[in-house]
Protein backbone atom coordinates (compact mmCIF):
# COMPACT_ATOMS: atom_id res chain seq x y z
CA MET A 1 125.71 104.20 114.83
CA SER A 2 123.10 106.64 113.54
CA PRO A 3 123.97 110.35 113.70
CA PRO A 4 122.24 112.46 116.37
CA PRO A 5 119.06 114.33 115.48
CA PRO A 6 119.63 117.76 113.93
CA PRO A 7 119.36 120.89 116.09
CA LEU A 8 115.77 121.96 116.54
CA GLY A 9 116.12 125.26 114.66
CA ARG A 10 117.55 123.60 111.57
CA ALA A 11 114.88 120.93 111.70
CA ARG A 12 112.12 123.54 111.78
CA LYS A 13 113.61 125.33 108.78
CA ARG A 14 113.72 122.10 106.79
CA ASP A 15 110.21 121.14 107.88
CA ALA A 16 108.91 124.04 105.80
CA GLN A 17 110.15 122.16 102.72
CA LEU A 18 108.24 118.95 103.45
CA PHE A 19 106.31 117.31 100.61
CA ASP A 20 108.19 118.95 97.76
CA PRO A 21 107.58 116.47 94.90
CA ALA A 22 111.04 117.23 93.49
CA LEU A 23 112.46 115.32 96.47
CA CYS A 24 116.27 115.50 96.50
CA ASP A 25 116.76 116.48 92.85
CA ALA A 26 118.49 119.84 93.40
CA GLU A 27 118.94 120.45 89.68
CA LEU A 28 115.22 119.96 89.14
CA VAL A 29 114.39 122.38 91.95
CA ASP A 30 116.53 125.06 90.32
CA VAL A 31 115.08 124.49 86.86
CA ARG A 32 111.53 124.44 88.19
CA SER A 33 111.93 127.87 89.78
CA GLN A 34 112.91 129.27 86.39
CA PHE A 35 110.25 127.34 84.49
CA THR A 36 107.51 128.85 86.64
CA GLN A 37 108.67 132.24 85.32
CA GLY A 38 108.44 131.10 81.72
CA ARG A 39 112.14 130.36 81.23
CA TRP A 40 111.67 127.02 79.52
CA ALA A 41 115.18 126.88 78.02
CA ARG A 42 116.56 125.44 81.26
CA ALA A 43 113.80 122.82 81.30
CA ARG A 44 114.76 121.95 77.74
CA ALA A 45 118.40 121.47 78.72
CA LEU A 46 117.43 119.43 81.78
CA LEU A 47 115.32 116.97 79.81
CA VAL A 48 117.89 116.68 77.03
CA GLY A 49 120.51 115.88 79.66
CA THR A 50 118.25 113.32 81.32
CA GLY A 51 118.18 111.26 78.13
CA ASP A 52 116.68 107.79 78.40
CA ASP A 53 116.97 107.48 82.16
CA TRP A 54 113.24 106.82 82.10
CA ASP A 55 112.54 106.90 85.84
CA ARG A 56 114.38 110.20 86.17
CA ARG A 57 112.74 111.60 83.05
CA GLY A 58 109.30 110.65 84.32
CA HIS A 59 110.02 112.16 87.72
CA ARG A 60 111.27 115.43 86.27
CA VAL A 61 108.48 115.79 83.74
CA VAL A 62 105.80 115.08 86.35
CA VAL A 63 107.24 117.65 88.77
CA LEU A 64 107.57 120.33 86.09
CA ALA A 65 104.09 119.53 84.78
CA GLN A 66 102.55 120.29 88.18
CA THR A 67 103.92 123.84 88.34
CA PRO A 68 101.61 126.84 87.88
CA ALA A 69 101.15 127.79 84.22
CA ALA A 70 103.04 124.68 83.09
CA THR A 71 100.58 124.19 80.24
CA ALA A 72 101.12 127.71 78.93
CA TRP A 73 104.92 127.57 79.09
CA ALA A 74 105.09 124.08 77.59
CA ARG A 75 102.80 125.19 74.77
CA GLU A 76 105.04 128.20 74.12
CA TRP A 77 108.05 125.88 73.97
CA LEU A 78 106.25 123.53 71.57
CA LEU A 79 105.32 126.45 69.32
CA ALA A 80 109.00 127.36 69.14
CA GLU A 81 110.05 123.73 68.52
CA PRO A 82 107.09 121.85 66.99
CA GLU A 83 109.02 118.58 66.62
CA SER A 84 110.33 118.53 70.19
CA ALA A 85 109.30 115.32 71.94
CA ASP A 86 110.38 116.86 75.25
CA ALA A 87 108.08 119.86 74.82
CA ALA A 88 105.20 117.66 73.66
CA THR A 89 105.65 115.28 76.60
CA LEU A 90 105.77 118.11 79.12
CA LEU A 91 102.67 119.67 77.59
CA ALA A 92 100.92 116.29 77.67
CA CYS A 93 101.64 115.72 81.35
CA ALA A 94 100.72 119.31 82.20
CA SER A 95 97.41 118.70 80.43
CA VAL A 96 96.90 115.57 82.54
CA PHE A 97 97.37 117.51 85.77
CA GLY A 98 95.10 120.22 84.40
CA ALA A 99 92.40 117.62 83.85
CA LEU A 100 92.95 116.22 87.35
CA ARG A 101 92.39 119.74 88.70
CA HIS A 102 89.30 120.10 86.47
CA LYS A 103 90.97 122.87 84.48
CA GLY A 104 90.97 120.89 81.27
CA THR A 105 89.27 117.88 79.78
CA PRO A 106 90.48 114.27 80.02
CA ALA A 107 89.91 113.92 76.27
CA ALA A 108 92.26 116.79 75.45
CA ALA A 109 94.87 115.44 77.86
CA GLU A 110 94.64 111.98 76.32
CA GLU A 111 95.08 113.41 72.83
CA ALA A 112 98.15 115.37 73.96
CA CYS A 113 99.67 112.23 75.50
CA ARG A 114 99.15 110.22 72.33
CA ARG A 115 100.72 112.95 70.21
CA ALA A 116 103.75 112.98 72.50
CA ALA A 117 103.99 109.19 72.43
CA ALA A 118 104.10 109.25 68.63
CA LEU A 119 107.05 111.67 68.62
CA LEU A 120 109.25 109.41 70.76
CA PRO A 121 107.82 105.86 70.75
CA ALA A 122 110.45 104.48 73.14
CA ASP A 123 109.56 106.95 75.89
CA PRO A 124 107.24 105.57 78.61
CA THR A 125 106.52 109.06 79.99
CA PRO A 126 103.49 109.92 77.81
CA TRP A 127 102.06 106.54 78.78
CA LEU A 128 102.72 107.42 82.42
CA GLY A 129 100.59 110.50 81.77
CA LEU A 130 97.83 108.28 80.38
CA LEU A 131 98.19 106.00 83.40
CA LEU A 132 97.68 108.94 85.76
CA LEU A 133 94.71 110.05 83.68
CA SER A 134 93.05 106.64 83.61
CA ARG A 135 93.66 106.24 87.35
CA ALA A 136 91.19 109.08 87.82
CA PHE A 137 88.89 108.86 84.82
CA GLY A 138 89.33 105.57 83.00
CA SER A 139 88.21 101.99 83.33
CA GLU A 140 90.28 99.21 84.86
CA GLU A 141 90.89 97.86 81.36
CA GLU A 142 92.26 101.20 80.17
CA PHE A 143 94.44 101.50 83.24
CA SER A 144 95.87 98.01 82.73
CA ARG A 145 96.56 98.68 79.04
CA HIS A 146 98.41 101.88 79.84
CA PHE A 147 100.45 100.14 82.52
CA ASP A 148 101.41 97.46 80.02
CA GLN A 149 102.52 100.17 77.58
CA VAL A 150 104.74 101.76 80.24
CA ARG A 151 106.21 98.43 81.26
CA ALA A 152 106.86 97.44 77.65
CA ARG A 153 109.17 100.45 77.43
CA HIS A 154 110.71 100.25 80.90
CA ARG A 155 110.07 97.05 82.83
CA GLU A 156 111.06 98.54 86.19
CA HIS A 157 109.21 101.85 85.89
CA HIS A 158 108.99 102.94 89.52
CA HIS A 159 106.11 105.41 89.39
CA ALA A 160 103.96 103.16 87.20
CA HIS A 161 104.35 100.20 89.55
CA HIS A 162 103.36 102.35 92.52
CA LEU A 163 100.24 103.48 90.66
CA MET A 164 99.36 99.90 89.77
CA VAL A 165 99.76 98.75 93.37
CA ALA A 166 97.53 101.58 94.61
CA LYS A 167 94.90 100.64 92.04
CA LEU A 168 95.02 96.90 92.73
CA ALA A 169 94.78 97.48 96.48
CA GLU A 170 91.33 98.97 95.95
CA ARG A 171 89.89 95.82 94.41
CA VAL A 172 87.42 94.02 96.63
CA LEU A 173 88.65 90.70 98.00
CA VAL A 174 86.10 88.16 96.77
CA SER A 175 86.98 85.41 99.22
CA GLY A 176 89.59 84.45 101.78
CA GLN A 177 91.62 86.50 104.23
CA ASP A 178 93.39 89.75 103.36
CA PRO A 179 96.88 88.16 103.06
CA LEU A 180 95.50 86.42 99.95
CA HIS A 181 94.69 89.70 98.20
CA GLU A 182 96.07 89.91 94.66
CA VAL A 183 97.99 93.14 95.30
CA TYR A 184 100.49 91.26 97.45
CA ASP A 185 101.11 88.68 94.73
CA PHE A 186 101.54 91.37 92.09
CA ALA A 187 104.06 93.29 94.19
CA ALA A 188 106.00 90.13 95.01
CA TRP A 189 106.05 89.15 91.33
CA ALA A 190 107.27 92.60 90.23
CA ALA A 191 110.02 92.56 92.85
CA GLU A 192 111.14 89.05 91.91
CA GLU A 193 111.15 89.88 88.18
CA SER A 194 113.47 92.84 88.71
CA PRO A 195 117.27 92.90 89.09
CA ALA A 196 118.72 92.55 92.57
CA ASP A 197 119.45 96.28 92.89
CA SER A 198 116.02 97.43 91.67
CA PRO A 199 114.05 99.72 94.01
CA LEU A 200 111.01 97.60 93.21
CA ALA A 201 112.30 95.39 96.02
CA VAL A 202 110.36 97.76 98.30
CA LEU A 203 107.12 97.39 96.31
CA PRO A 204 105.70 94.64 98.58
CA VAL A 205 105.91 97.11 101.48
CA VAL A 206 104.04 99.67 99.39
CA ALA A 207 101.39 97.04 98.69
CA HIS A 208 100.81 96.51 102.41
CA ALA A 209 100.55 100.26 103.00
CA GLU A 210 98.10 100.74 100.13
CA ARG A 211 96.01 97.83 101.29
CA TYR A 212 95.95 99.28 104.80
CA ARG A 213 94.71 102.58 103.32
CA VAL A 214 91.77 100.75 101.77
CA LEU A 215 90.98 98.59 104.80
CA ALA A 216 91.13 101.54 107.18
CA ALA A 217 88.80 103.57 104.98
CA THR A 218 86.38 100.65 104.86
CA HIS A 219 86.52 99.31 108.41
CA GLY A 220 87.86 102.24 110.40
CA HIS A 221 91.29 103.09 111.74
CA SER A 222 92.61 102.20 115.16
CA PRO A 223 96.09 101.60 116.58
CA GLU A 224 95.12 97.98 117.19
CA ALA A 225 94.04 97.48 113.58
CA ALA A 226 97.23 99.09 112.31
CA ALA A 227 99.38 96.88 114.51
CA ALA A 228 97.49 93.77 113.43
CA HIS A 229 97.88 94.61 109.75
CA TRP A 230 101.66 94.76 110.05
CA ALA A 231 101.99 91.83 112.46
CA GLY A 232 101.11 89.03 110.04
CA ARG A 233 103.75 86.57 108.90
CA ARG A 234 103.74 87.82 105.31
CA ALA A 235 104.02 91.45 106.38
CA ARG A 236 106.95 90.68 108.69
CA GLN A 237 108.75 88.78 105.93
CA VAL A 238 108.20 91.60 103.46
CA LEU A 239 109.49 94.22 105.87
CA ARG A 240 112.56 92.21 106.79
CA SER A 241 113.42 91.60 103.13
CA ALA A 242 112.90 95.25 102.15
CA PHE A 243 114.96 96.59 105.04
CA ASP A 244 117.76 94.13 104.30
CA TRP A 245 117.64 95.21 100.64
CA TRP A 246 117.97 98.84 101.69
CA LEU A 247 120.97 98.07 103.90
CA GLU A 248 122.69 96.31 101.00
CA TRP A 249 121.75 98.50 98.03
CA GLU A 250 120.10 101.72 99.26
CA ARG A 251 119.99 103.17 95.70
CA ASP A 252 120.35 106.75 96.83
CA ASP A 253 120.96 107.58 93.17
CA HIS A 254 117.37 106.78 92.20
CA PRO A 255 115.18 109.89 91.71
CA ARG A 256 112.29 108.44 93.73
CA ASN A 257 114.41 106.83 96.43
CA ARG A 258 112.83 108.97 99.15
CA VAL A 259 109.37 107.69 98.20
CA ASP A 260 110.48 104.18 99.09
CA LEU A 261 112.17 105.31 102.29
CA ASN A 262 108.99 107.04 103.47
CA PHE A 263 106.97 103.88 102.93
CA LEU A 264 109.61 101.78 104.65
CA ALA A 265 109.94 104.13 107.65
CA HIS A 266 106.17 104.21 108.04
CA ALA A 267 106.00 100.42 107.95
CA LYS A 268 108.83 100.00 110.44
CA LEU A 269 107.06 102.24 112.93
CA CYS A 270 103.81 100.36 112.41
CA GLU A 271 105.73 97.14 112.99
CA GLY A 272 107.02 98.54 116.28
CA ARG A 273 110.69 98.95 115.31
CA PRO A 274 111.51 102.62 115.97
CA ALA A 275 115.29 102.10 115.93
CA GLU A 276 115.20 100.85 112.34
CA ALA A 277 112.75 103.61 111.44
CA ALA A 278 115.18 106.16 112.91
CA ALA A 279 117.90 105.14 110.46
CA LEU A 280 115.44 105.66 107.63
CA PHE A 281 114.32 109.06 108.92
CA HIS A 282 117.93 110.21 108.94
CA ARG A 283 118.17 109.34 105.24
CA ILE A 284 114.79 110.89 104.44
CA GLY A 285 115.78 114.23 105.93
CA SER A 286 113.23 116.85 104.86
CA HIS A 287 112.06 114.83 101.85
CA ALA A 288 108.78 113.56 103.22
CA THR A 289 106.06 112.29 100.90
CA ARG A 290 102.33 112.64 101.49
CA ALA A 291 101.83 108.92 101.01
CA PRO A 292 101.81 106.96 103.25
CA TRP A 293 101.72 109.54 106.08
CA SER A 294 98.27 110.68 104.99
CA TYR A 295 96.90 107.13 105.37
CA PRO A 296 94.13 106.76 106.32
CA ASP A 297 92.80 110.30 105.93
CA ARG A 298 95.35 111.92 108.25
CA ASP A 299 97.19 115.23 108.12
CA PRO A 300 100.44 114.06 106.51
CA GLN A 301 102.63 116.76 108.03
CA LYS A 302 101.44 116.14 111.57
CA ALA A 303 101.70 112.38 111.06
CA PHE A 304 105.22 112.56 109.61
CA LEU A 305 106.56 114.91 112.28
CA ALA A 306 104.99 112.85 115.07
CA ALA A 307 106.38 109.61 113.65
CA ARG A 308 109.82 111.11 113.21
CA GLY A 309 109.73 112.41 116.77
CA VAL A 310 108.90 108.96 118.10
CA ALA A 311 111.63 107.28 116.05
CA LEU A 312 114.32 109.81 116.91
CA GLY A 313 113.26 110.18 120.54
CA THR A 314 112.47 113.88 120.20
CA ALA A 315 108.69 113.66 120.58
């Protein structure tokens, strides 16, 4: 039986922490607070300790790279340790986010990523930076090449597969009905190619959410359209398989686990299964993610809190 909803006061306090990209990585949260003050030694120790856990390394680098003045502090670290692949990778990803905020150039960010990649060729993280960059500024060919580079280094790279699904979902369907769109086949293939305990088992659910984002932006959003999108045979099969996978494996140890749970909870509500969504909301806690609650063009905080209220019966 699921635990009861938390007391309202505690829930409100936690709601203020919604959408923290660090998710449930408490060590990262602590290090980030010091890194924002220029204390990069703790960031150095964190990344050294992360080692070649590539999903965790990518998650931690991306979160640190989004902090204010990340470029300046990473550059200071690199000046102190010119051969540090960790410093170079953090600077590269910080440069990517700077370019995305129009506070730097894509060319400079790309150069920084390639320098970092040369220092530690086995690391997919600089290529993740290039993938994020090409998602915004590059061609489809560049994006696909960068994805291949990430996957060559880590076949199950969680963040990279989510980016690829989001990109593929935006391709125009040339012919046939939406269930024939290529994004569904890609997500199914990636899930099938991965080990049984891989979080990519949830990727087909992400594909349906990303495709809904595109369809709603194109054709308009309505409750009826949302219900129809999740009512198809393929969607129902995908949701059943993903929920069963979560019950068996859960993978609470994965750094981006809460990303998957948010997508799955969103889908379960769209499918009309609030009881199953409630179990997921209990696991999510305060670790909401903007996607998919912002789909399509919604206030993610209002959408998340409303959905959680419906699922937990507190609305």
